[in-house]
C-alpha atoms as a PDB file:
ATOM      1  CA  MET A   1      53.857 -11.951 -11.081  1.00  0.00           C
ATOM      2  CA  SER A   2      54.707 -15.437 -12.303  1.00  0.00           C
ATOM      3  CA  GLY A   3      53.679 -18.716 -10.776  1.00  0.00           C
ATOM      4  CA  ARG A   4      52.557 -22.186 -11.749  1.00  0.00           C
ATOM      5  CA  ILE A   5      52.159 -25.558 -10.096  1.00  0.00           C
ATOM      6  CA  VAL A   6      51.854 -29.083 -11.445  1.00  0.00           C
ATOM      7  CA  TYR A   7      50.217 -31.698  -9.245  1.00  0.00           C
ATOM      8  CA  VAL A   8      52.426 -34.670 -10.091  1.00  0.00           C
ATOM      9  CA  GLY A   9      50.566 -36.886  -7.636  1.00  0.00           C
ATOM     10  CA  HIS A  10      50.305 -37.805  -3.953  1.00  0.00           C
ATOM     11  CA  ALA A  11      52.475 -35.176  -2.176  1.00  0.00           C
ATOM     12  CA  THR A  12      54.643 -34.448  -5.209  1.00  0.00           C
ATOM     13  CA  VAL A  13      54.049 -30.964  -6.586  1.00  0.00           C
ATOM     14  CA  LEU A  14      56.194 -28.960  -8.967  1.00  0.00           C
ATOM     15  CA  VAL A  15      56.200 -25.331  -7.844  1.00  0.00           C
ATOM     16  CA  GLU A  16      57.417 -22.724 -10.343  1.00  0.00           C
ATOM     17  CA  LEU A  17      57.675 -19.250  -8.849  1.00  0.00           C
ATOM     18  CA  ASP A  18      59.718 -16.233  -9.939  1.00  0.00           C
ATOM     19  CA  GLY A  19      62.051 -18.338 -12.055  1.00  0.00           C
ATOM     20  CA  VAL A  20      62.617 -20.960  -9.338  1.00  0.00           C
ATOM     21  CA  ARG A  21      61.595 -24.625  -9.751  1.00  0.00           C
ATOM     22  CA  LEU A  22      60.930 -26.610  -6.586  1.00  0.00           C
ATOM     23  CA  LEU A  23      59.701 -30.191  -6.273  1.00  0.00           C
ATOM     24  CA  THR A  24      58.010 -31.401  -3.099  1.00  0.00           C
ATOM     25  CA  ASP A  25      58.318 -34.940  -1.697  1.00  0.00           C
ATOM     26  CA  PRO A  26      59.154 -36.528  -5.067  1.00  0.00           C
ATOM     27  CA  VAL A  27      57.740 -39.995  -5.690  1.00  0.00           C
ATOM     28  CA  LEU A  28      58.116 -40.450  -9.432  1.00  0.00           C
ATOM     29  CA  GLY A  29      57.921 -44.194 -10.071  1.00  0.00           C
ATOM     30  CA  SER A  30      55.002 -46.435 -10.938  1.00  0.00           C
ATOM     31  CA  TRP A  31      55.015 -48.349  -7.665  1.00  0.00           C
ATOM     32  CA  LEU A  32      55.924 -47.883  -4.013  1.00  0.00           C
ATOM     33  CA  GLY A  33      56.138 -51.204  -2.192  1.00  0.00           C
ATOM     34  CA  PRO A  34      52.650 -52.744  -2.497  1.00  0.00           C
ATOM     35  CA  LEU A  35      51.209 -49.470  -3.799  1.00  0.00           C
ATOM     36  CA  HIS A  36      50.723 -48.911  -7.522  1.00  0.00           C
ATOM     37  CA  ARG A  37      50.380 -45.588  -9.301  1.00  0.00           C
ATOM     38  CA  GLN A  38      46.911 -44.900 -10.598  1.00  0.00           C
ATOM     39  CA  GLY A  39      46.597 -42.702 -13.683  1.00  0.00           C
ATOM     40  CA  PRO A  40      49.402 -41.243 -15.779  1.00  0.00           C
ATOM     41  CA  ALA A  41      53.082 -41.738 -15.045  1.00  0.00           C
ATOM     42  CA  ALA A  42      55.008 -38.789 -13.718  1.00  0.00           C
ATOM     43  CA  ALA A  43      56.251 -36.702 -16.634  1.00  0.00           C
ATOM     44  CA  ALA A  44      60.027 -36.698 -16.969  1.00  0.00           C
ATOM     45  CA  ALA A  45      60.047 -32.915 -17.349  1.00  0.00           C
ATOM     46  CA  VAL A  46      58.990 -32.318 -13.743  1.00  0.00           C
ATOM     47  CA  ALA A  47      62.385 -33.582 -12.564  1.00  0.00           C
ATOM     48  CA  GLU A  48      64.397 -31.358 -14.902  1.00  0.00           C
ATOM     49  CA  GLY A  49      65.929 -27.966 -14.174  1.00  0.00           C
ATOM     50  CA  LEU A  50      65.155 -28.074 -10.463  1.00  0.00           C
ATOM     51  CA  ASP A  51      66.585 -25.510  -8.060  1.00  0.00           C
ATOM     52  CA  ALA A  52      65.752 -27.532  -4.934  1.00  0.00           C
ATOM     53  CA  VAL A  53      63.693 -30.393  -3.534  1.00  0.00           C
ATOM     54  CA  LEU A  54      61.596 -29.969  -0.386  1.00  0.00           C
ATOM     55  CA  ILE A  55      61.251 -33.055   1.843  1.00  0.00           C
ATOM     56  CA  SER A  56      58.594 -32.908   4.551  1.00  0.00           C
ATOM     57  CA  HIS A  57      59.422 -36.113   6.462  1.00  0.00           C
ATOM     58  CA  LEU A  58      60.925 -39.576   6.141  1.00  0.00           C
ATOM     59  CA  HIS A  59      57.907 -41.783   5.497  1.00  0.00           C
ATOM     60  CA  ARG A  60      58.405 -43.765   2.299  1.00  0.00           C
ATOM     61  CA  ASP A  61      55.460 -42.194   0.468  1.00  0.00           C
ATOM     62  CA  HIS A  62      57.187 -38.812   0.912  1.00  0.00           C
ATOM     63  CA  LEU A  63      60.836 -39.834   0.826  1.00  0.00           C
ATOM     64  CA  ASP A  64      61.549 -42.166  -2.109  1.00  0.00           C
ATOM     65  CA  LEU A  65      65.286 -42.621  -2.538  1.00  0.00           C
ATOM     66  CA  ARG A  66      64.888 -44.098  -6.020  1.00  0.00           C
ATOM     67  CA  SER A  67      63.143 -40.924  -7.126  1.00  0.00           C
ATOM     68  CA  LEU A  68      65.770 -38.678  -5.532  1.00  0.00           C
ATOM     69  CA  ARG A  69      68.502 -40.553  -7.389  1.00  0.00           C
ATOM     70  CA  ARG A  70      66.759 -39.777 -10.677  1.00  0.00           C
ATOM     71  CA  LEU A  71      67.395 -36.082 -10.083  1.00  0.00           C
ATOM     72  CA  ALA A  72      70.562 -34.207 -11.003  1.00  0.00           C
ATOM     73  CA  PRO A  73      73.188 -34.704  -8.243  1.00  0.00           C
ATOM     74  CA  ALA A  74      73.642 -30.945  -7.881  1.00  0.00           C
ATOM     75  CA  VAL A  75      70.027 -30.349  -6.823  1.00  0.00           C
ATOM     76  CA  PRO A  76      69.999 -29.409  -3.113  1.00  0.00           C
ATOM     77  CA  LEU A  77      67.582 -31.048  -0.703  1.00  0.00           C
ATOM     78  CA  VAL A  78      65.774 -29.003   1.947  1.00  0.00           C
ATOM     79  CA  VAL A  79      64.948 -31.397   4.779  1.00  0.00           C
ATOM     80  CA  PRO A  80      63.684 -31.429   8.377  1.00  0.00           C
ATOM     81  CA  ALA A  81      66.220 -30.598  11.065  1.00  0.00           C
ATOM     82  CA  GLY A  82      68.032 -33.658  12.332  1.00  0.00           C
ATOM     83  CA  THR A  83      68.009 -35.621   9.054  1.00  0.00           C
ATOM     84  CA  LYS A  84      71.140 -34.345   7.294  1.00  0.00           C
ATOM     85  CA  ALA A  85      73.235 -37.323   8.412  1.00  0.00           C
ATOM     86  CA  PHE A  86      70.549 -39.712   7.134  1.00  0.00           C
ATOM     87  CA  PHE A  87      70.846 -38.214   3.653  1.00  0.00           C
ATOM     88  CA  ALA A  88      74.638 -37.984   3.798  1.00  0.00           C
ATOM     89  CA  ARG A  89      74.910 -41.723   4.488  1.00  0.00           C
ATOM     90  CA  ARG A  90      72.936 -42.306   1.304  1.00  0.00           C
ATOM     91  CA  GLY A  91      75.155 -40.155  -0.860  1.00  0.00           C
ATOM     92  CA  PHE A  92      73.320 -36.825  -0.784  1.00  0.00           C
ATOM     93  CA  ASP A  93      75.759 -34.101   0.190  1.00  0.00           C
ATOM     94  CA  ARG A  94      73.865 -30.946  -0.806  1.00  0.00           C
ATOM     95  CA  VAL A  95      71.444 -30.815   2.103  1.00  0.00           C
ATOM     96  CA  VAL A  96      69.920 -27.895   4.016  1.00  0.00           C
ATOM     97  CA  GLU A  97      68.203 -28.639   7.330  1.00  0.00           C
ATOM     98  CA  LEU A  98      65.316 -26.446   8.463  1.00  0.00           C
ATOM     99  CA  ALA A  99      63.484 -26.533  11.774  1.00  0.00           C
ATOM    100  CA  PRO A 100      60.047 -24.900  11.965  1.00  0.00           C
ATOM    101  CA  GLY A 101      60.451 -21.152  11.704  1.00  0.00           C
ATOM    102  CA  ARG A 102      63.839 -21.290   9.971  1.00  0.00           C
ATOM    103  CA  SER A 103      64.253 -20.051   6.386  1.00  0.00           C
ATOM    104  CA  HIS A 104      66.511 -20.605   3.394  1.00  0.00           C
ATOM    105  CA  ARG A 105      66.883 -18.455   0.292  1.00  0.00           C
ATOM    106  CA  ILE A 106      66.672 -20.158  -3.119  1.00  0.00           C
ATOM    107  CA  GLY A 107      67.082 -17.703  -5.965  1.00  0.00           C
ATOM    108  CA  ALA A 108      64.262 -15.184  -5.830  1.00  0.00           C
ATOM    109  CA  VAL A 109      62.192 -17.091  -3.248  1.00  0.00           C
ATOM    110  CA  THR A 110      62.446 -17.815   0.467  1.00  0.00           C
ATOM    111  CA  VAL A 111      61.512 -21.232   1.858  1.00  0.00           C
ATOM    112  CA  THR A 112      60.480 -21.422   5.518  1.00  0.00           C
ATOM    113  CA  ALA A 113      59.772 -24.653   7.401  1.00  0.00           C
ATOM    114  CA  THR A 114      56.420 -24.750   9.193  1.00  0.00           C
ATOM    115  CA  PRO A 115      55.108 -27.027  11.952  1.00  0.00           C
ATOM    116  CA  ALA A 116      53.266 -30.245  11.151  1.00  0.00           C
ATOM    117  CA  ASP A 117      51.365 -32.761  13.264  1.00  0.00           C
ATOM    118  CA  HIS A 118      52.114 -36.190  11.856  1.00  0.00           C
ATOM    119  CA  ASP A 119      53.096 -39.364  13.704  1.00  0.00           C
ATOM    120  CA  ILE A 120      56.468 -40.579  12.427  1.00  0.00           C
ATOM    121  CA  GLY A 121      56.265 -43.830  14.404  1.00  0.00           C
ATOM    122  CA  ARG A 122      59.211 -45.658  15.937  1.00  0.00           C
ATOM    123  CA  ARG A 123      62.243 -44.413  14.063  1.00  0.00           C
ATOM    124  CA  ARG A 124      65.875 -44.103  15.056  1.00  0.00           C
ATOM    125  CA  ILE A 125      65.860 -40.549  13.682  1.00  0.00           C
ATOM    126  CA  ALA A 126      63.744 -38.375  15.953  1.00  0.00           C
ATOM    127  CA  ALA A 127      63.133 -35.688  13.341  1.00  0.00           C
ATOM    128  CA  GLU A 128      59.832 -33.889  13.402  1.00  0.00           C
ATOM    129  CA  PRO A 129      57.904 -33.561  10.130  1.00  0.00           C
ATOM    130  CA  VAL A 130      57.477 -30.113   8.605  1.00  0.00           C
ATOM    131  CA  GLY A 131      55.596 -28.243   5.932  1.00  0.00           C
ATOM    132  CA  TYR A 132      56.994 -25.374   3.881  1.00  0.00           C
ATOM    133  CA  LEU A 133      56.015 -21.808   3.084  1.00  0.00           C
ATOM    134  CA  VAL A 134      57.398 -20.619  -0.253  1.00  0.00           C
ATOM    135  CA  GLU A 135      57.475 -16.827  -0.580  1.00  0.00           C
ATOM    136  CA  GLY A 136      58.176 -14.623  -3.567  1.00  0.00           C
ATOM    137  CA  THR A 137      55.686 -12.635  -5.573  1.00  0.00           C
ATOM    138  CA  ARG A 138      53.222 -15.301  -4.384  1.00  0.00           C
ATOM    139  CA  ARG A 139      52.959 -17.056  -1.026  1.00  0.00           C
ATOM    140  CA  ILE A 140      52.456 -20.816  -1.307  1.00  0.00           C
ATOM    141  CA  TYR A 141      52.001 -23.225   1.597  1.00  0.00           C
ATOM    142  CA  PHE A 142      52.843 -26.902   1.135  1.00  0.00           C
ATOM    143  CA  ALA A 143      51.517 -28.731   4.182  1.00  0.00           C
ATOM    144  CA  GLY A 144      53.389 -32.001   3.608  1.00  0.00           C
ATOM    145  CA  ASP A 145      51.448 -34.517   5.672  1.00  0.00           C
ATOM    146  CA  THR A 146      49.733 -33.207   8.764  1.00  0.00           C
ATOM    147  CA  ASP A 147      46.638 -33.132  10.877  1.00  0.00           C
ATOM    148  CA  LEU A 148      45.160 -29.895  12.170  1.00  0.00           C
ATOM    149  CA  PHE A 149      47.489 -28.348  14.737  1.00  0.00           C
ATOM    150  CA  ALA A 150      47.455 -25.479  17.178  1.00  0.00           C
ATOM    151  CA  ARG A 151      48.226 -22.127  15.563  1.00  0.00           C
ATOM    152  CA  MET A 152      47.718 -23.425  12.027  1.00  0.00           C
ATOM    153  CA  ALA A 153      45.945 -20.168  11.250  1.00  0.00           C
ATOM    154  CA  GLU A 154      49.260 -18.372  11.824  1.00  0.00           C
ATOM    155  CA  VAL A 155      51.084 -20.188   9.030  1.00  0.00           C
ATOM    156  CA  GLY A 156      49.953 -17.720   6.387  1.00  0.00           C
ATOM    157  CA  GLY A 157      50.132 -14.698   8.638  1.00  0.00           C
ATOM    158  CA  PRO A 158      49.934 -11.225   7.130  1.00  0.00           C
ATOM    159  CA  PRO A 159      49.723 -10.701   4.193  1.00  0.00           C
ATOM    160  CA  GLY A 160      48.013 -14.091   3.806  1.00  0.00           C
ATOM    161  CA  LEU A 161      48.392 -17.000   1.414  1.00  0.00           C
ATOM    162  CA  ASP A 162      47.856 -17.087  -2.308  1.00  0.00           C
ATOM    163  CA  LEU A 163      47.784 -20.886  -2.443  1.00  0.00           C
ATOM    164  CA  ALA A 164      47.555 -23.757   0.037  1.00  0.00           C
ATOM    165  CA  LEU A 165      48.450 -27.319  -0.989  1.00  0.00           C
ATOM    166  CA  LEU A 166      46.571 -29.446   1.534  1.00  0.00           C
ATOM    167  CA  PRO A 167      46.493 -33.227   2.011  1.00  0.00           C
ATOM    168  CA  VAL A 168      42.940 -34.574   1.970  1.00  0.00           C
ATOM    169  CA  TRP A 169      43.524 -38.335   2.148  1.00  0.00           C
ATOM    170  CA  GLY A 170      46.290 -40.942   1.999  1.00  0.00           C
ATOM    171  CA  TRP A 171      47.184 -44.017  -0.041  1.00  0.00           C
ATOM    172  CA  GLY A 172      44.620 -46.603   1.048  1.00  0.00           C
ATOM    173  CA  PRO A 173      40.941 -47.241   1.731  1.00  0.00           C
ATOM    174  CA  THR A 174      41.247 -46.010   5.334  1.00  0.00           C
ATOM    175  CA  LEU A 175      43.078 -43.156   6.968  1.00  0.00           C
ATOM    176  CA  GLY A 176      45.229 -43.441  10.071  1.00  0.00           C
ATOM    177  CA  PRO A 177      46.001 -40.820  12.727  1.00  0.00           C
ATOM    178  CA  GLY A 178      48.096 -37.819  11.827  1.00  0.00           C
ATOM    179  CA  HIS A 179      46.290 -37.191   8.543  1.00  0.00           C
ATOM    180  CA  MET A 180      43.518 -34.892   7.431  1.00  0.00           C
ATOM    181  CA  ASN A 181      40.369 -36.279   5.874  1.00  0.00           C
ATOM    182  CA  PRO A 182      38.320 -33.995   3.594  1.00  0.00           C
ATOM    183  CA  GLU A 183      36.396 -32.445   6.484  1.00  0.00           C
ATOM    184  CA  ARG A 184      39.496 -31.675   8.568  1.00  0.00           C
ATOM    185  CA  ALA A 185      41.333 -30.400   5.498  1.00  0.00           C
ATOM    186  CA  ALA A 186      38.434 -28.040   4.835  1.00  0.00           C
ATOM    187  CA  ARG A 187      38.672 -26.800   8.422  1.00  0.00           C
ATOM    188  CA  ALA A 188      42.401 -26.238   7.879  1.00  0.00           C
ATOM    189  CA  ALA A 189      41.704 -24.261   4.710  1.00  0.00           C
ATOM    190  CA  ALA A 190      39.154 -22.155   6.560  1.00  0.00           C
ATOM    191  CA  LEU A 191      41.798 -21.330   9.194  1.00  0.00           C
ATOM    192  CA  LEU A 192      44.517 -20.611   6.629  1.00  0.00           C
ATOM    193  CA  ALA A 193      42.191 -18.567   4.393  1.00  0.00           C
ATOM    194  CA  PRO A 194      44.223 -18.819   1.168  1.00  0.00           C
ATOM    195  CA  ARG A 195      42.897 -17.332  -2.028  1.00  0.00           C
ATOM    196  CA  VAL A 196      43.132 -20.778  -3.634  1.00  0.00           C
ATOM    197  CA  ALA A 197      43.255 -24.249  -2.076  1.00  0.00           C
ATOM    198  CA  VAL A 198      44.438 -27.306  -4.007  1.00  0.00           C
ATOM    199  CA  PRO A 199      43.789 -30.756  -2.485  1.00  0.00           C
ATOM    200  CA  ILE A 200      46.775 -33.127  -2.695  1.00  0.00           C
ATOM    201  CA  HIS A 201      47.729 -36.533  -1.247  1.00  0.00           C
ATOM    202  CA  TRP A 202      44.917 -38.396  -2.988  1.00  0.00           C
ATOM    203  CA  GLY A 203      44.198 -40.433  -6.111  1.00  0.00           C
ATOM    204  CA  THR A 204      47.755 -41.497  -6.933  1.00  0.00           C
ATOM    205  CA  PHE A 205      48.977 -44.570  -5.061  1.00  0.00           C
ATOM    206  CA  TYR A 206      46.721 -47.399  -3.981  1.00  0.00           C
ATOM    207  CA  PRO A 207      47.166 -51.051  -2.984  1.00  0.00           C
ATOM    208  CA  ALA A 208      47.218 -53.358  -5.988  1.00  0.00           C
ATOM    209  CA  GLY A 209      43.855 -55.037  -6.609  1.00  0.00           C
ATOM    210  CA  LEU A 210      41.744 -52.623  -4.538  1.00  0.00           C
ATOM    211  CA  ALA A 211      41.134 -49.957  -7.178  1.00  0.00           C
ATOM    212  CA  ARG A 212      38.175 -51.790  -8.720  1.00  0.00           C
ATOM    213  CA  ARG A 213      36.654 -53.052  -5.492  1.00  0.00           C
ATOM    214  CA  ARG A 214      36.992 -49.890  -3.387  1.00  0.00           C
ATOM    215  CA  PRO A 215      37.528 -46.929  -5.727  1.00  0.00           C
ATOM    216  CA  ARG A 216      35.974 -44.161  -3.613  1.00  0.00           C
ATOM    217  CA  PRO A 217      39.256 -42.982  -1.994  1.00  0.00           C
ATOM    218  CA  LEU A 218      40.696 -42.498  -5.478  1.00  0.00           C
ATOM    219  CA  ILE A 219      38.036 -39.998  -6.555  1.00  0.00           C
ATOM    220  CA  GLY A 220      35.936 -38.874  -3.593  1.00  0.00           C
ATOM    221  CA  PRO A 221      38.206 -36.959  -1.168  1.00  0.00           C
ATOM    222  CA  PRO A 222      38.864 -33.786  -3.233  1.00  0.00           C
ATOM    223  CA  ARG A 223      35.176 -33.450  -4.105  1.00  0.00           C
ATOM    224  CA  GLU A 224      34.184 -33.888  -0.468  1.00  0.00           C
ATOM    225  CA  PHE A 225      36.834 -31.327   0.504  1.00  0.00           C
ATOM    226  CA  ALA A 226      35.441 -28.804  -1.988  1.00  0.00           C
ATOM    227  CA  ALA A 227      31.867 -29.361  -0.844  1.00  0.00           C
ATOM    228  CA  ARG A 228      32.755 -28.948   2.826  1.00  0.00           C
ATOM    229  CA  LEU A 229      34.855 -25.850   2.165  1.00  0.00           C
ATOM    230  CA  ARG A 230      31.955 -24.176   0.361  1.00  0.00           C
ATOM    231  CA  ASP A 231      30.136 -24.266   3.692  1.00  0.00           C
ATOM    232  CA  LEU A 232      33.086 -23.310   5.900  1.00  0.00           C
ATOM    233  CA  ALA A 233      34.871 -20.691   3.789  1.00  0.00           C
ATOM    234  CA  PRO A 234      33.061 -19.856   0.547  1.00  0.00           C
ATOM    235  CA  ALA A 235      35.581 -17.110  -0.254  1.00  0.00           C
ATOM    236  CA  VAL A 236      38.319 -19.735  -0.778  1.00  0.00           C
ATOM    237  CA  THR A 237      38.497 -20.999  -4.361  1.00  0.00           C
ATOM    238  CA  VAL A 238      39.102 -24.739  -4.687  1.00  0.00           C
ATOM    239  CA  GLU A 239      41.000 -26.043  -7.685  1.00  0.00           C
ATOM    240  CA  ILE A 240      40.881 -29.837  -8.037  1.00  0.00           C
ATOM    241  CA  LEU A 241      43.803 -30.999 -10.156  1.00  0.00           C
ATOM    242  CA  ALA A 242      44.000 -34.533 -11.454  1.00  0.00           C
ATOM    243  CA  PRO A 243      47.493 -36.019 -11.068  1.00  0.00           C
ATOM    244  CA  GLY A 244      49.616 -34.671 -13.889  1.00  0.00           C
ATOM    245  CA  SER A 245      47.650 -31.467 -14.425  1.00  0.00           C
ATOM    246  CA  GLY A 246      48.738 -27.902 -13.681  1.00  0.00           C
ATOM    247  CA  LEU A 247      47.460 -24.532 -12.529  1.00  0.00           C
ATOM    248  CA  ASP A 248      48.679 -21.137 -13.687  1.00  0.00           C
ATOM    249  CA  LEU A 249      48.753 -18.764 -10.712  1.00  0.00           C
ATOM    250  CA  ARG A 250      48.901 -15.541 -12.693  1.00  0.00           C
ATOM    251  CA  GLY A 251      45.133 -15.209 -12.828  1.00  0.00           C
ATOM    252  CA  SER A 252      44.277 -17.136  -9.671  1.00  0.00           C
END
């Protein structure tokens, strides 16, 4: 069984499974509006040889058009239902829409959209955010950006999850509604019961000038998540990956 992930940063994760390369919510540049990348730049190799990109929702820290245009034009985008026209107007014509519960085959793996609870605000496109379940010889759940939601425990279902990629913070010193903090992310992991949980959505983008004055959100959330999960679900292994580092799933 083959599998590997690279935590590129924020919600961007390279998933390699059964010969298929998927990239989630790619944000590959050094800045995003007033937010600056902390730590290493995204490696160019993560954007090469992709079989598909998974987009969870249309917030700018998950949908960065500049990053998408750095990818090969032939790479298909898997997006929430109702957003295909949005991407078509911006020149992306290889788009697959998925509503929660719907699936799409990519090589040797199946990608299924899952529910998410995340406020998209006042937007002309009333498309609900999603997460994704990637299934092959391993079962990997990418939560996108979400709070705890009803029936979250059913996402993994039988036979369970090998890996859950769970957001534990955001991009600033405070966290708004529709996100999970470390404690709520630990509760989510306890419900999902994966073999391995990897905290994401932390330590990557931060407002310029705040990193020195208020650094805790850049380093604290994954540690707090791990500590809380030890109490709630000690059988779940936590792997904290610094942005740019990877995890081989063969022995996980």
